[in-house]
Structures are given as structure tokens and as C-alpha cells.
Amino acid sequence: MRIQSANFELSAISLDSCPDSKLPEFAFIGRSNVGKSSLLNVLSNQAALARVSKTPGRTREINFFTINRTWSLVDLPGYGYAKASASDRERFNEFVSDYLRERENLCCAFVLIDSRHEPQRIDQEFVQWLVEGEIPFALVFTKSDKVKPSAVKKNIAGFLEAMAEWSEGQPPVFTTSSKTKEGRRELLKFIEEAITT
């Protein structure tokens, strides 16, 4: 897939304020500081589509971008950021869960996981929630350039092994690096196949 256009559509603060659109949507979510904004900029081939912040958890709304006028890239707030108040976290979490459970044109949620680390409970709990809710998702292991390939493989295998305790089968798995652009072609191919089948 060649990215010919990538345009910001709107920011939503509730399910009701999401765009009235029938375009297939592909959402990206991960805990704070997982490299989501950098990956979205690489995917869209635009340096500043998503704002890269030094402050984790800056994304507080759901941001919608129209890609090639044929599908929507959806930037979801990160989970697990520490600097928001408990009430803010609860409100954002409720909004995101409403979107993931109820948005009819959501095709896939890409869950971003830092490949440098062994399986983290917060990521596992979120993925388990997706499984239990029968929400389609794929795993995207980020920052693969930061550690040795053997460590990346070990951490991915560990996460999938942990998943096996409460999930049948295995979701699509991608390994990415915003620096080397590893995984970009594979992710875009996956999206292209999803919207053309």
C-alpha cells in the first residue's frame, strides 16, 4: 500500500463525538512511552501526523486520521500513564473501552508492546480484556532496534506463552522499529488486505 494522503479528521472525547463515518478503522493503542506516535508517523509517511511528546500519556482524546480516503487510522490514548488523576484515568479508560467494544467499523486494534521488556502485566491484562470481549486485535512489538534480535524474539515468545493460558490461537504479530522502518510494509499490507477482502 502506498500512502498518498493522510489527513487529520477530528479528536473525539466521547463515543458520540466520533466521526459519522463508514470507513474501516484501524486503532493503535499501547501503554505510555511505547513509541506509538513515532510508529504512526512512520506508517503514514508524515513526520508530524501524531505529536511525539516527551511527556507520557499526552494523548487524551481519540484522534482520527483519514488515509488515502479509504480507511481511518485511529490514535487511542495510552493506558497506564501515571501523571493523570485517578478520575481522569477512569474517564479515559471508559471512553476507550466504549470505542473498542461498540464502534461498528473497527476492523482491528493494534496493541503496541515494547519489545525490550519481558511480558508486562498491564499489557497482558489489556490483551486478555480484548480476548474476552472478542475484539479483533494484533500485537505490534515496537523498538526492535533498541535490543538484540535474540532478546526481541525471547520477549515475544514469552508474551505469547503467557497468552496461551487464557487465549486459544495466536493473533497476528508484527515487529517494528520507527528508526529502521522495520514492519511498516507488513502492517500496511495487513491493513490493505483487511479492507479489500
C-alpha atoms as a PDB file:
ATOM      1  CA  MET A   1       0.000   0.000   0.000  1.00  0.00           C
ATOM      2  CA  ARG A   2       1.288   3.430  -0.943  1.00  0.00           C
ATOM      3  CA  ILE A   3       0.255   6.258   1.346  1.00  0.00           C
ATOM      4  CA  GLN A   4      -0.943   9.042  -0.935  1.00  0.00           C
ATOM      5  CA  SER A   5      -2.747  11.146   1.646  1.00  0.00           C
ATOM      6  CA  ALA A   6      -3.049  11.270   5.423  1.00  0.00           C
ATOM      7  CA  ASN A   7      -5.327  13.929   6.875  1.00  0.00           C
ATOM      8  CA  PHE A   8      -6.395  14.712  10.416  1.00  0.00           C
ATOM      9  CA  GLU A   9     -10.170  14.405  10.725  1.00  0.00           C
ATOM     10  CA  LEU A  10     -11.093  15.157  14.334  1.00  0.00           C
ATOM     11  CA  SER A  11     -10.461  14.495  18.009  1.00  0.00           C
ATOM     12  CA  ALA A  12     -13.235  12.811  19.953  1.00  0.00           C
ATOM     13  CA  ILE A  13     -13.814  12.929  23.694  1.00  0.00           C
ATOM     14  CA  SER A  14     -16.756  10.521  23.758  1.00  0.00           C
ATOM     15  CA  LEU A  15     -18.200   7.762  21.625  1.00  0.00           C
ATOM     16  CA  ASP A  16     -20.943  10.126  20.471  1.00  0.00           C
ATOM     17  CA  SER A  17     -18.385  12.615  19.166  1.00  0.00           C
ATOM     18  CA  CYS A  18     -16.590  10.059  16.989  1.00  0.00           C
ATOM     19  CA  PRO A  19     -16.952  10.764  13.266  1.00  0.00           C
ATOM     20  CA  ASP A  20     -20.059   9.623  11.443  1.00  0.00           C
ATOM     21  CA  SER A  21     -18.038   7.559   9.017  1.00  0.00           C
ATOM     22  CA  LYS A  22     -18.346   4.146   7.416  1.00  0.00           C
ATOM     23  CA  LEU A  23     -14.663   3.877   6.568  1.00  0.00           C
ATOM     24  CA  PRO A  24     -12.911   0.840   8.062  1.00  0.00           C
ATOM     25  CA  GLU A  25     -10.961   1.849  11.161  1.00  0.00           C
ATOM     26  CA  PHE A  26      -7.655   0.542  12.474  1.00  0.00           C
ATOM     27  CA  ALA A  27      -6.867   1.644  16.008  1.00  0.00           C
ATOM     28  CA  PHE A  28      -3.462   1.849  17.686  1.00  0.00           C
ATOM     29  CA  ILE A  29      -3.074   1.620  21.445  1.00  0.00           C
ATOM     30  CA  GLY A  30      -0.353   0.849  23.962  1.00  0.00           C
ATOM     31  CA  ARG A  31       0.922   1.886  27.324  1.00  0.00           C
ATOM     32  CA  SER A  32       2.666   5.203  27.695  1.00  0.00           C
ATOM     33  CA  ASN A  33       6.072   5.662  26.077  1.00  0.00           C
ATOM     34  CA  VAL A  34       5.715   2.608  23.827  1.00  0.00           C
ATOM     35  CA  GLY A  35       6.570   4.633  20.715  1.00  0.00           C
ATOM     36  CA  LYS A  36       3.057   4.907  19.296  1.00  0.00           C
ATOM     37  CA  SER A  37       3.305   8.422  17.867  1.00  0.00           C
ATOM     38  CA  SER A  38       6.622   7.664  16.183  1.00  0.00           C
ATOM     39  CA  LEU A  39       5.206   4.497  14.631  1.00  0.00           C
ATOM     40  CA  LEU A  40       2.107   6.303  13.354  1.00  0.00           C
ATOM     41  CA  ASN A  41       4.297   8.933  11.729  1.00  0.00           C
ATOM     42  CA  VAL A  42       6.358   6.227  10.016  1.00  0.00           C
ATOM     43  CA  LEU A  43       3.247   4.367   8.851  1.00  0.00           C
ATOM     44  CA  SER A  44       1.662   7.494   7.401  1.00  0.00           C
ATOM     45  CA  ASN A  45       4.967   8.696   5.931  1.00  0.00           C
ATOM     46  CA  GLN A  46       4.447  12.047   7.640  1.00  0.00           C
ATOM     47  CA  ALA A  47       6.857  13.440  10.186  1.00  0.00           C
ATOM     48  CA  ALA A  48       4.218  15.099  12.332  1.00  0.00           C
ATOM     49  CA  LEU A  49       0.930  13.248  11.851  1.00  0.00           C
ATOM     50  CA  ALA A  50       0.930  12.297  15.527  1.00  0.00           C
ATOM     51  CA  ARG A  51       2.633  14.511  18.078  1.00  0.00           C
ATOM     52  CA  VAL A  52       5.651  12.898  19.697  1.00  0.00           C
ATOM     53  CA  SER A  53       5.787  14.053  23.289  1.00  0.00           C
ATOM     54  CA  LYS A  54       8.417  13.721  25.987  1.00  0.00           C
ATOM     55  CA  THR A  55       5.536  13.553  28.455  1.00  0.00           C
ATOM     56  CA  PRO A  56       3.983  10.055  28.510  1.00  0.00           C
ATOM     57  CA  GLY A  57       0.226   9.929  28.233  1.00  0.00           C
ATOM     58  CA  ARG A  58      -0.193  13.186  26.355  1.00  0.00           C
ATOM     59  CA  THR A  59      -2.884  11.784  24.051  1.00  0.00           C
ATOM     60  CA  ARG A  60      -6.140  12.295  25.959  1.00  0.00           C
ATOM     61  CA  GLU A  61      -8.622  12.079  23.098  1.00  0.00           C
ATOM     62  CA  ILE A  62      -9.244   9.619  20.300  1.00  0.00           C
ATOM     63  CA  ASN A  63      -7.702  11.125  17.176  1.00  0.00           C
ATOM     64  CA  PHE A  64      -8.960  10.122  13.740  1.00  0.00           C
ATOM     65  CA  PHE A  65      -6.907  10.386  10.538  1.00  0.00           C
ATOM     66  CA  THR A  66      -8.197   9.551   7.057  1.00  0.00           C
ATOM     67  CA  ILE A  67      -5.671   7.626   4.973  1.00  0.00           C
ATOM     68  CA  ASN A  68      -5.914   7.537   1.177  1.00  0.00           C
ATOM     69  CA  ARG A  69      -9.580   8.480   1.603  1.00  0.00           C
ATOM     70  CA  THR A  70     -10.254   4.746   2.050  1.00  0.00           C
ATOM     71  CA  TRP A  71      -9.603   3.961   5.750  1.00  0.00           C
ATOM     72  CA  SER A  72      -9.147   5.614   9.128  1.00  0.00           C
ATOM     73  CA  LEU A  73      -6.128   5.426  11.377  1.00  0.00           C
ATOM     74  CA  VAL A  74      -7.274   5.872  14.970  1.00  0.00           C
ATOM     75  CA  ASP A  75      -4.852   7.029  17.651  1.00  0.00           C
ATOM     76  CA  LEU A  76      -6.130   5.893  21.055  1.00  0.00           C
ATOM     77  CA  PRO A  77      -4.968   7.279  24.424  1.00  0.00           C
ATOM     78  CA  GLY A  78      -2.225   5.228  26.029  1.00  0.00           C
ATOM     79  CA  TYR A  79      -3.103   3.107  29.017  1.00  0.00           C
ATOM     80  CA  GLY A  80      -1.178   3.143  32.261  1.00  0.00           C
ATOM     81  CA  TYR A  81       0.132   6.697  32.264  1.00  0.00           C
ATOM     82  CA  ALA A  82       0.938   7.844  35.778  1.00  0.00           C
ATOM     83  CA  LYS A  83       0.518  11.614  35.730  1.00  0.00           C
ATOM     84  CA  ALA A  84      -3.236  11.795  35.216  1.00  0.00           C
ATOM     85  CA  SER A  85      -5.566  11.780  38.187  1.00  0.00           C
ATOM     86  CA  ALA A  86      -7.458   8.621  39.038  1.00  0.00           C
ATOM     87  CA  SER A  87     -10.724  10.188  37.884  1.00  0.00           C
ATOM     88  CA  ASP A  88      -9.155  11.200  34.558  1.00  0.00           C
ATOM     89  CA  ARG A  89      -7.755   7.702  34.050  1.00  0.00           C
ATOM     90  CA  GLU A  90     -11.137   6.162  34.776  1.00  0.00           C
ATOM     91  CA  ARG A  91     -12.901   8.508  32.346  1.00  0.00           C
ATOM     92  CA  PHE A  92     -10.382   7.910  29.556  1.00  0.00           C
ATOM     93  CA  ASN A  93     -10.400   4.152  30.136  1.00  0.00           C
ATOM     94  CA  GLU A  94     -14.196   4.088  29.970  1.00  0.00           C
ATOM     95  CA  PHE A  95     -14.185   6.102  26.740  1.00  0.00           C
ATOM     96  CA  VAL A  96     -11.589   3.852  25.104  1.00  0.00           C
ATOM     97  CA  SER A  97     -13.375   0.682  26.168  1.00  0.00           C
ATOM     98  CA  ASP A  98     -16.654   2.042  24.788  1.00  0.00           C
ATOM     99  CA  TYR A  99     -14.942   2.727  21.464  1.00  0.00           C
ATOM    100  CA  LEU A 100     -13.324  -0.710  21.267  1.00  0.00           C
ATOM    101  CA  ARG A 101     -16.469  -2.590  22.227  1.00  0.00           C
ATOM    102  CA  GLU A 102     -19.084  -0.583  20.354  1.00  0.00           C
ATOM    103  CA  ARG A 103     -17.513   1.007  17.273  1.00  0.00           C
ATOM    104  CA  GLU A 104     -19.040  -0.984  14.424  1.00  0.00           C
ATOM    105  CA  ASN A 105     -16.467  -0.135  11.747  1.00  0.00           C
ATOM    106  CA  LEU A 106     -13.431  -1.008  13.886  1.00  0.00           C
ATOM    107  CA  CYS A 107     -11.556  -3.675  11.934  1.00  0.00           C
ATOM    108  CA  CYS A 108      -8.571  -4.230  14.190  1.00  0.00           C
ATOM    109  CA  ALA A 109      -6.910  -2.846  17.300  1.00  0.00           C
ATOM    110  CA  PHE A 110      -3.128  -2.888  17.073  1.00  0.00           C
ATOM    111  CA  VAL A 111      -1.741  -3.332  20.578  1.00  0.00           C
ATOM    112  CA  LEU A 112       1.745  -1.837  20.834  1.00  0.00           C
ATOM    113  CA  ILE A 113       4.153  -3.561  23.208  1.00  0.00           C
ATOM    114  CA  ASP A 114       7.748  -2.556  23.942  1.00  0.00           C
ATOM    115  CA  SER A 115       9.884  -5.415  22.641  1.00  0.00           C
ATOM    116  CA  ARG A 116      12.747  -4.522  25.007  1.00  0.00           C
ATOM    117  CA  HIS A 117      10.925  -5.871  28.042  1.00  0.00           C
ATOM    118  CA  GLU A 118       9.726  -9.220  29.308  1.00  0.00           C
ATOM    119  CA  PRO A 119       5.916  -9.588  29.395  1.00  0.00           C
ATOM    120  CA  GLN A 120       4.346  -6.844  31.496  1.00  0.00           C
ATOM    121  CA  ARG A 121       1.192  -7.419  33.497  1.00  0.00           C
ATOM    122  CA  ILE A 122      -0.503  -4.241  32.258  1.00  0.00           C
ATOM    123  CA  ASP A 123      -0.138  -5.352  28.627  1.00  0.00           C
ATOM    124  CA  GLN A 124      -1.285  -8.880  29.381  1.00  0.00           C
ATOM    125  CA  GLU A 125      -4.360  -7.663  31.252  1.00  0.00           C
ATOM    126  CA  PHE A 126      -5.346  -5.386  28.386  1.00  0.00           C
ATOM    127  CA  VAL A 127      -4.912  -8.118  25.773  1.00  0.00           C
ATOM    128  CA  GLN A 128      -6.886 -10.536  27.934  1.00  0.00           C
ATOM    129  CA  TRP A 129      -9.702  -7.958  28.087  1.00  0.00           C
ATOM    130  CA  LEU A 130      -9.687  -7.800  24.266  1.00  0.00           C
ATOM    131  CA  VAL A 131      -9.838 -11.594  24.030  1.00  0.00           C
ATOM    132  CA  GLU A 132     -12.728 -11.801  26.481  1.00  0.00           C
ATOM    133  CA  GLY A 133     -14.564  -9.051  24.595  1.00  0.00           C
ATOM    134  CA  GLU A 134     -13.963 -10.800  21.251  1.00  0.00           C
ATOM    135  CA  ILE A 135     -12.413  -7.610  19.875  1.00  0.00           C
ATOM    136  CA  PRO A 136     -10.181  -8.233  16.836  1.00  0.00           C
ATOM    137  CA  PHE A 137      -6.571  -7.295  17.530  1.00  0.00           C
ATOM    138  CA  ALA A 138      -2.962  -7.769  16.517  1.00  0.00           C
ATOM    139  CA  LEU A 139       0.230  -7.430  18.535  1.00  0.00           C
ATOM    140  CA  VAL A 140       2.864  -4.919  17.445  1.00  0.00           C
ATOM    141  CA  PHE A 141       6.206  -5.169  19.218  1.00  0.00           C
ATOM    142  CA  THR A 142       7.956  -1.804  18.967  1.00  0.00           C
ATOM    143  CA  LYS A 143      11.531  -0.506  19.324  1.00  0.00           C
ATOM    144  CA  SER A 144      13.112  -3.662  17.905  1.00  0.00           C
ATOM    145  CA  ASP A 145      16.259  -1.710  17.036  1.00  0.00           C
ATOM    146  CA  LYS A 146      16.967  -0.989  20.695  1.00  0.00           C
ATOM    147  CA  VAL A 147      17.983  -4.535  21.702  1.00  0.00           C
ATOM    148  CA  LYS A 148      19.476  -7.634  20.103  1.00  0.00           C
ATOM    149  CA  PRO A 149      17.168  -9.652  17.809  1.00  0.00           C
ATOM    150  CA  SER A 150      17.501 -12.650  20.133  1.00  0.00           C
ATOM    151  CA  ALA A 151      16.129 -10.590  23.029  1.00  0.00           C
ATOM    152  CA  VAL A 152      13.205  -9.403  20.902  1.00  0.00           C
ATOM    153  CA  LYS A 153      12.358 -12.993  19.937  1.00  0.00           C
ATOM    154  CA  LYS A 154      12.614 -14.125  23.546  1.00  0.00           C
ATOM    155  CA  ASN A 155      10.286 -11.396  24.812  1.00  0.00           C
ATOM    156  CA  ILE A 156       7.724 -12.016  22.061  1.00  0.00           C
ATOM    157  CA  ALA A 157       7.786 -15.745  22.759  1.00  0.00           C
ATOM    158  CA  GLY A 158       7.328 -15.048  26.457  1.00  0.00           C
ATOM    159  CA  PHE A 159       4.303 -12.875  25.816  1.00  0.00           C
ATOM    160  CA  LEU A 160       2.673 -15.446  23.529  1.00  0.00           C
ATOM    161  CA  GLU A 161       3.384 -18.191  26.043  1.00  0.00           C
ATOM    162  CA  ALA A 162       1.676 -16.169  28.765  1.00  0.00           C
ATOM    163  CA  MET A 163      -1.278 -15.549  26.437  1.00  0.00           C
ATOM    164  CA  ALA A 164      -1.735 -19.261  25.858  1.00  0.00           C
ATOM    165  CA  GLU A 165      -3.086 -19.627  29.393  1.00  0.00           C
ATOM    166  CA  TRP A 166      -6.228 -17.662  28.561  1.00  0.00           C
ATOM    167  CA  SER A 167      -6.394 -17.461  24.773  1.00  0.00           C
ATOM    168  CA  GLU A 168      -6.944 -20.041  22.082  1.00  0.00           C
ATOM    169  CA  GLY A 169      -4.892 -19.491  18.961  1.00  0.00           C
ATOM    170  CA  GLN A 170      -2.475 -16.663  18.268  1.00  0.00           C
ATOM    171  CA  PRO A 171      -3.166 -13.163  16.951  1.00  0.00           C
ATOM    172  CA  PRO A 172      -1.181 -11.618  14.095  1.00  0.00           C
ATOM    173  CA  VAL A 173       2.223 -10.482  15.370  1.00  0.00           C
ATOM    174  CA  PHE A 174       4.397  -7.697  13.948  1.00  0.00           C
ATOM    175  CA  THR A 175       7.853  -6.465  14.918  1.00  0.00           C
ATOM    176  CA  THR A 176       8.542  -2.790  14.249  1.00  0.00           C
ATOM    177  CA  SER A 177      11.119  -0.053  14.557  1.00  0.00           C
ATOM    178  CA  SER A 178      10.377   3.586  13.887  1.00  0.00           C
ATOM    179  CA  LYS A 179      14.077   4.182  13.325  1.00  0.00           C
ATOM    180  CA  THR A 180      14.675   1.484  10.679  1.00  0.00           C
ATOM    181  CA  LYS A 181      11.042   1.334   9.465  1.00  0.00           C
ATOM    182  CA  GLU A 182      11.000  -2.401  10.103  1.00  0.00           C
ATOM    183  CA  GLY A 183       7.457  -3.738   9.967  1.00  0.00           C
ATOM    184  CA  ARG A 184       5.971  -0.796   8.061  1.00  0.00           C
ATOM    185  CA  ARG A 185       5.392  -2.714   4.852  1.00  0.00           C
ATOM    186  CA  GLU A 186       3.950  -5.704   6.712  1.00  0.00           C
ATOM    187  CA  LEU A 187       1.500  -3.581   8.715  1.00  0.00           C
ATOM    188  CA  LEU A 188       0.289  -1.694   5.648  1.00  0.00           C
ATOM    189  CA  LYS A 189      -0.093  -4.961   3.727  1.00  0.00           C
ATOM    190  CA  PHE A 190      -2.184  -6.368   6.570  1.00  0.00           C
ATOM    191  CA  ILE A 191      -4.421  -3.293   6.522  1.00  0.00           C
ATOM    192  CA  GLU A 192      -4.716  -3.357   2.754  1.00  0.00           C
ATOM    193  CA  GLU A 193      -5.760  -6.994   2.749  1.00  0.00           C
ATOM    194  CA  ALA A 194      -8.284  -6.347   5.506  1.00  0.00           C
ATOM    195  CA  ILE A 195     -10.048  -3.563   3.610  1.00  0.00           C
ATOM    196  CA  THR A 196     -10.071  -5.376   0.252  1.00  0.00           C
ATOM    197  CA  THR A 197     -11.451  -8.735   1.421  1.00  0.00           C
END
